[in-house]
């Protein structure tokens, strides 16, 4: 079994390659670690390979905030240099600078 090094890091702001959303990475799975129903719900022709890092994001689009689970192949570095407005970002992360949040927010 191949070992993959995660391309992206905790606190990094990324965007989806195909869908109009962006977010902050708050956790990484070395390979797919979600339900069969989740992966099977993705059309086969665009279904990501399970043997790659998957990222948990505090995500946002034009109308809402949510948590997303995205394969590495579907993420790109976000170069907008804009902070993410998701309300949970401040609970986990500190300051935003150059596309990256520092670790350690207002944890209680």
Protein backbone atom coordinates (compact mmCIF):
# COMPACT_ATOMS: atom_id res chain seq x y z
CA UNK A 1 0.00 0.00 0.00
CA UNK A 2 1.32 3.42 -0.97
CA UNK A 3 1.74 6.15 1.62
CA UNK A 4 0.71 9.61 0.47
CA UNK A 5 1.98 12.77 2.05
CA UNK A 6 -0.77 15.36 2.40
CA UNK A 7 -0.28 18.19 -0.07
CA UNK A 8 -2.25 20.67 2.05
CA UNK A 9 -1.97 21.51 5.75
CA UNK A 10 -4.20 22.37 8.70
CA UNK A 11 -5.25 26.00 8.58
CA UNK A 12 -4.65 26.35 4.85
CA UNK A 13 -7.34 28.02 2.72
CA UNK A 14 -8.26 25.93 -0.33
CA UNK A 15 -10.92 25.89 -3.02
CA UNK A 16 -12.69 23.07 -4.81
CA UNK A 17 -11.47 22.29 -8.31
CA UNK A 18 -14.98 21.93 -9.80
CA UNK A 19 -17.55 23.34 -7.36
CA UNK A 20 -17.85 26.99 -6.27
CA UNK A 21 -16.76 26.74 -2.64
CA UNK A 22 -13.67 27.33 -0.55
CA UNK A 23 -12.71 26.55 3.01
CA UNK A 24 -10.15 26.07 5.76
CA UNK A 25 -8.67 22.60 6.38
CA UNK A 26 -9.29 21.50 9.97
CA UNK A 27 -8.52 17.77 9.73
CA UNK A 28 -6.88 15.32 7.30
CA UNK A 29 -7.45 11.61 6.74
CA UNK A 30 -4.48 9.81 5.10
CA UNK A 31 -7.00 7.95 2.94
CA UNK A 32 -10.77 7.81 2.53
CA UNK A 33 -12.50 7.42 5.90
CA UNK A 34 -16.17 8.10 5.33
CA UNK A 35 -19.25 5.95 4.67
CA UNK A 36 -19.82 3.74 1.64
CA UNK A 37 -23.04 5.68 1.05
CA UNK A 38 -21.05 8.91 0.83
CA UNK A 39 -18.56 7.68 -1.77
CA UNK A 40 -21.24 5.78 -3.73
CA UNK A 41 -23.34 8.96 -3.98
CA UNK A 42 -20.65 10.51 -6.20
CA UNK A 43 -21.14 9.71 -9.91
CA UNK A 44 -18.70 6.98 -10.93
CA UNK A 45 -17.09 9.02 -13.69
CA UNK A 46 -15.95 11.66 -11.17
CA UNK A 47 -15.67 9.50 -8.04
CA UNK A 48 -12.27 10.12 -6.38
CA UNK A 49 -9.75 7.38 -5.68
CA UNK A 50 -9.99 6.26 -2.03
CA UNK A 51 -6.21 5.91 -1.65
CA UNK A 52 -5.33 9.58 -1.24
CA UNK A 53 -5.64 12.17 1.51
CA UNK A 54 -9.15 13.49 2.23
CA UNK A 55 -9.65 16.84 3.94
CA UNK A 56 -12.29 18.14 6.35
CA UNK A 57 -13.06 21.80 5.61
CA UNK A 58 -14.95 24.60 7.27
CA UNK A 59 -16.46 25.51 3.91
CA UNK A 60 -18.40 28.41 2.48
CA UNK A 61 -20.13 29.29 -0.75
CA UNK A 62 -22.18 32.32 -1.75
CA UNK A 63 -25.16 31.28 0.38
CA UNK A 64 -24.05 29.12 3.32
CA UNK A 65 -21.44 27.71 5.68
CA UNK A 66 -20.99 23.97 6.15
CA UNK A 67 -18.44 21.21 6.71
CA UNK A 68 -17.12 19.51 3.57
CA UNK A 69 -15.12 16.31 3.03
CA UNK A 70 -12.97 16.58 -0.11
CA UNK A 71 -10.35 14.43 -1.82
CA UNK A 72 -6.93 15.92 -2.43
CA UNK A 73 -7.36 15.61 -6.21
CA UNK A 74 -10.32 18.01 -6.02
CA UNK A 75 -8.59 20.78 -4.06
CA UNK A 76 -6.50 23.73 -5.17
CA UNK A 77 -4.74 26.38 -3.14
CA UNK A 78 -7.03 29.41 -2.84
CA UNK A 79 -5.19 32.48 -4.09
CA UNK A 80 -7.87 35.07 -3.32
CA UNK A 81 -6.05 36.08 -0.10
CA UNK A 82 -9.45 36.49 1.56
CA UNK A 83 -10.21 35.02 5.00
CA UNK A 84 -12.99 32.43 5.28
CA UNK A 85 -16.15 33.63 7.06
CA UNK A 86 -17.26 30.26 8.47
CA UNK A 87 -18.29 30.86 12.13
CA UNK A 88 -16.26 27.90 13.47
CA UNK A 89 -12.93 29.09 12.04
CA UNK A 90 -12.23 31.37 15.03
CA UNK A 91 -12.85 28.54 17.49
CA UNK A 92 -10.02 26.44 16.07
CA UNK A 93 -7.66 28.88 14.40
CA UNK A 94 -5.88 32.12 15.19
CA UNK A 95 -4.75 34.86 12.84
CA UNK A 96 -5.05 34.72 9.05
CA UNK A 97 -2.01 35.62 6.96
CA UNK A 98 -1.09 34.79 3.34
CA UNK A 99 -3.70 32.06 2.79
CA UNK A 100 -3.07 30.31 6.10
CA UNK A 101 -4.63 30.43 9.56
CA UNK A 102 -2.41 29.91 12.58
CA UNK A 103 -3.37 26.98 14.78
CA UNK A 104 -4.99 27.71 18.13
CA UNK A 105 -8.10 29.83 18.22
CA UNK A 106 -10.48 30.53 21.07
CA UNK A 107 -10.54 26.99 22.42
CA UNK A 108 -12.38 26.79 25.75
